[in-house]
């Protein structure tokens, strides 16, 4: 099981709408929202790293989401062997994976 703590940013007028959209994503739970700051605190639970990456991509693609930042990550063995940062993460807009973490 993989659990990520994610900070989601939006404009204050879109906090409620973004919270509803987030709640509709399987494995996502909204824990707190600060309307004035346009911030939401969510967790994403997924059975594998690949599923977690897909969930993160879905969060970032939601309408009115300005940013989604990984704050905390926990994972148990999930049968997937991960030797480097998944290639999918390197293709996300605004995400830069250090060369030292890339599989060469």
C-alpha atoms as a PDB file:
ATOM      1  CA  UNK A   1       0.000   0.000   0.000  1.00  0.00           C
ATOM      2  CA  UNK A   2       1.234   3.466  -0.917  1.00  0.00           C
ATOM      3  CA  UNK A   3      -0.002   6.588   0.823  1.00  0.00           C
ATOM      4  CA  UNK A   4       0.923  10.107  -0.224  1.00  0.00           C
ATOM      5  CA  UNK A   5       0.196  13.363   1.545  1.00  0.00           C
ATOM      6  CA  UNK A   6      -0.394  16.044  -1.083  1.00  0.00           C
ATOM      7  CA  UNK A   7      -0.873  19.802  -0.861  1.00  0.00           C
ATOM      8  CA  UNK A   8      -3.198  21.041  -3.607  1.00  0.00           C
ATOM      9  CA  UNK A   9      -3.364  24.713  -4.569  1.00  0.00           C
ATOM     10  CA  UNK A  10      -6.165  26.515  -6.366  1.00  0.00           C
ATOM     11  CA  UNK A  11      -7.776  29.942  -6.353  1.00  0.00           C
ATOM     12  CA  UNK A  12     -10.007  30.617  -3.324  1.00  0.00           C
ATOM     13  CA  UNK A  13     -13.172  30.688  -5.419  1.00  0.00           C
ATOM     14  CA  UNK A  14     -12.470  27.158  -6.696  1.00  0.00           C
ATOM     15  CA  UNK A  15     -11.667  25.395  -3.391  1.00  0.00           C
ATOM     16  CA  UNK A  16     -15.108  23.792  -3.018  1.00  0.00           C
ATOM     17  CA  UNK A  17     -15.248  22.634  -6.633  1.00  0.00           C
ATOM     18  CA  UNK A  18     -11.711  21.228  -6.528  1.00  0.00           C
ATOM     19  CA  UNK A  19     -12.482  19.458  -3.228  1.00  0.00           C
ATOM     20  CA  UNK A  20     -15.478  17.757  -4.838  1.00  0.00           C
ATOM     21  CA  UNK A  21     -13.430  16.735  -7.872  1.00  0.00           C
ATOM     22  CA  UNK A  22     -10.664  15.369  -5.659  1.00  0.00           C
ATOM     23  CA  UNK A  23     -13.140  13.354  -3.599  1.00  0.00           C
ATOM     24  CA  UNK A  24     -14.400  11.710  -6.794  1.00  0.00           C
ATOM     25  CA  UNK A  25     -10.962  10.180  -7.487  1.00  0.00           C
ATOM     26  CA  UNK A  26     -10.577   6.639  -6.177  1.00  0.00           C
ATOM     27  CA  UNK A  27      -8.206   6.553  -3.201  1.00  0.00           C
ATOM     28  CA  UNK A  28      -8.231  10.318  -2.610  1.00  0.00           C
ATOM     29  CA  UNK A  29      -9.494  11.837   0.615  1.00  0.00           C
ATOM     30  CA  UNK A  30      -9.681  15.575   1.368  1.00  0.00           C
ATOM     31  CA  UNK A  31      -8.680  16.197   4.989  1.00  0.00           C
ATOM     32  CA  UNK A  32      -8.607  19.997   5.200  1.00  0.00           C
ATOM     33  CA  UNK A  33      -9.259  23.065   3.102  1.00  0.00           C
ATOM     34  CA  UNK A  34      -8.299  26.699   3.633  1.00  0.00           C
ATOM     35  CA  UNK A  35     -10.559  28.715   1.358  1.00  0.00           C
ATOM     36  CA  UNK A  36      -8.754  32.048   1.868  1.00  0.00           C
ATOM     37  CA  UNK A  37      -5.375  30.512   1.005  1.00  0.00           C
ATOM     38  CA  UNK A  38      -6.729  28.266  -1.759  1.00  0.00           C
ATOM     39  CA  UNK A  39      -5.055  25.202  -0.215  1.00  0.00           C
ATOM     40  CA  UNK A  40      -6.297  21.660   0.321  1.00  0.00           C
ATOM     41  CA  UNK A  41      -4.633  18.804   2.202  1.00  0.00           C
ATOM     42  CA  UNK A  42      -5.326  15.390   0.693  1.00  0.00           C
ATOM     43  CA  UNK A  43      -4.106  11.832   0.886  1.00  0.00           C
ATOM     44  CA  UNK A  44      -3.836   9.465  -2.039  1.00  0.00           C
ATOM     45  CA  UNK A  45      -3.897   5.733  -1.317  1.00  0.00           C
ATOM     46  CA  UNK A  46      -2.912   3.278  -4.038  1.00  0.00           C
ATOM     47  CA  UNK A  47      -1.967  -0.407  -4.178  1.00  0.00           C
ATOM     48  CA  UNK A  48       1.199   0.128  -6.278  1.00  0.00           C
ATOM     49  CA  UNK A  49       3.644   2.878  -7.151  1.00  0.00           C
ATOM     50  CA  UNK A  50       2.323   2.908 -10.735  1.00  0.00           C
ATOM     51  CA  UNK A  51      -1.248   3.391  -9.527  1.00  0.00           C
ATOM     52  CA  UNK A  52      -0.059   6.141  -7.230  1.00  0.00           C
ATOM     53  CA  UNK A  53       1.671   7.954 -10.108  1.00  0.00           C
ATOM     54  CA  UNK A  54      -1.541   7.702 -12.147  1.00  0.00           C
ATOM     55  CA  UNK A  55      -3.564   9.123  -9.244  1.00  0.00           C
ATOM     56  CA  UNK A  56      -1.107  12.003  -8.841  1.00  0.00           C
ATOM     57  CA  UNK A  57      -1.366  12.744 -12.560  1.00  0.00           C
ATOM     58  CA  UNK A  58      -5.182  12.771 -12.296  1.00  0.00           C
ATOM     59  CA  UNK A  59      -5.010  15.240  -9.400  1.00  0.00           C
ATOM     60  CA  UNK A  60      -2.682  17.567 -11.315  1.00  0.00           C
ATOM     61  CA  UNK A  61      -4.938  17.407 -14.403  1.00  0.00           C
ATOM     62  CA  UNK A  62      -8.113  18.486 -12.588  1.00  0.00           C
ATOM     63  CA  UNK A  63      -9.643  21.778 -13.713  1.00  0.00           C
ATOM     64  CA  UNK A  64      -8.575  24.741 -11.550  1.00  0.00           C
ATOM     65  CA  UNK A  65      -5.719  22.878  -9.838  1.00  0.00           C
ATOM     66  CA  UNK A  66      -2.765  25.262  -9.922  1.00  0.00           C
ATOM     67  CA  UNK A  67      -0.305  22.925  -8.203  1.00  0.00           C
ATOM     68  CA  UNK A  68      -0.185  19.555  -6.466  1.00  0.00           C
ATOM     69  CA  UNK A  69       2.893  18.983  -4.341  1.00  0.00           C
ATOM     70  CA  UNK A  70       3.964  15.767  -2.674  1.00  0.00           C
ATOM     71  CA  UNK A  71       4.534  16.491   1.011  1.00  0.00           C
ATOM     72  CA  UNK A  72       4.820  13.003   2.505  1.00  0.00           C
ATOM     73  CA  UNK A  73       5.067   9.492   1.104  1.00  0.00           C
ATOM     74  CA  UNK A  74       4.772   6.074   2.723  1.00  0.00           C
ATOM     75  CA  UNK A  75       4.978   2.744   0.955  1.00  0.00           C
ATOM     76  CA  UNK A  76       5.056  -0.911   1.828  1.00  0.00           C
ATOM     77  CA  UNK A  77       6.449  -3.574  -0.430  1.00  0.00           C
ATOM     78  CA  UNK A  78       4.049  -3.829  -3.337  1.00  0.00           C
ATOM     79  CA  UNK A  79       5.758  -6.404  -5.524  1.00  0.00           C
ATOM     80  CA  UNK A  80       6.993  -3.748  -7.932  1.00  0.00           C
ATOM     81  CA  UNK A  81      10.748  -3.350  -8.084  1.00  0.00           C
ATOM     82  CA  UNK A  82      11.578   0.322  -8.284  1.00  0.00           C
ATOM     83  CA  UNK A  83      15.205   1.144  -9.040  1.00  0.00           C
ATOM     84  CA  UNK A  84      14.679   4.755 -10.068  1.00  0.00           C
ATOM     85  CA  UNK A  85      12.069   7.461 -10.228  1.00  0.00           C
ATOM     86  CA  UNK A  86       9.319   6.231 -12.603  1.00  0.00           C
ATOM     87  CA  UNK A  87       9.637   7.782 -16.080  1.00  0.00           C
ATOM     88  CA  UNK A  88       6.037   9.006 -15.833  1.00  0.00           C
ATOM     89  CA  UNK A  89       6.989  11.433 -13.072  1.00  0.00           C
ATOM     90  CA  UNK A  90       9.641  13.048 -15.233  1.00  0.00           C
ATOM     91  CA  UNK A  91       7.030  13.896 -17.874  1.00  0.00           C
ATOM     92  CA  UNK A  92       4.766  15.830 -15.498  1.00  0.00           C
ATOM     93  CA  UNK A  93       4.763  19.532 -16.198  1.00  0.00           C
ATOM     94  CA  UNK A  94       6.729  21.415 -13.575  1.00  0.00           C
ATOM     95  CA  UNK A  95       8.405  18.316 -12.132  1.00  0.00           C
ATOM     96  CA  UNK A  96      12.147  18.007 -12.429  1.00  0.00           C
ATOM     97  CA  UNK A  97      13.780  14.732 -11.415  1.00  0.00           C
ATOM     98  CA  UNK A  98      17.473  15.103 -10.516  1.00  0.00           C
ATOM     99  CA  UNK A  99      19.809  13.265 -12.900  1.00  0.00           C
ATOM    100  CA  UNK A 100      21.249  11.249 -10.000  1.00  0.00           C
ATOM    101  CA  UNK A 101      17.841   9.629  -9.471  1.00  0.00           C
ATOM    102  CA  UNK A 102      17.228   8.753 -13.095  1.00  0.00           C
ATOM    103  CA  UNK A 103      17.892   5.236 -14.346  1.00  0.00           C
ATOM    104  CA  UNK A 104      20.716   5.590 -16.881  1.00  0.00           C
END
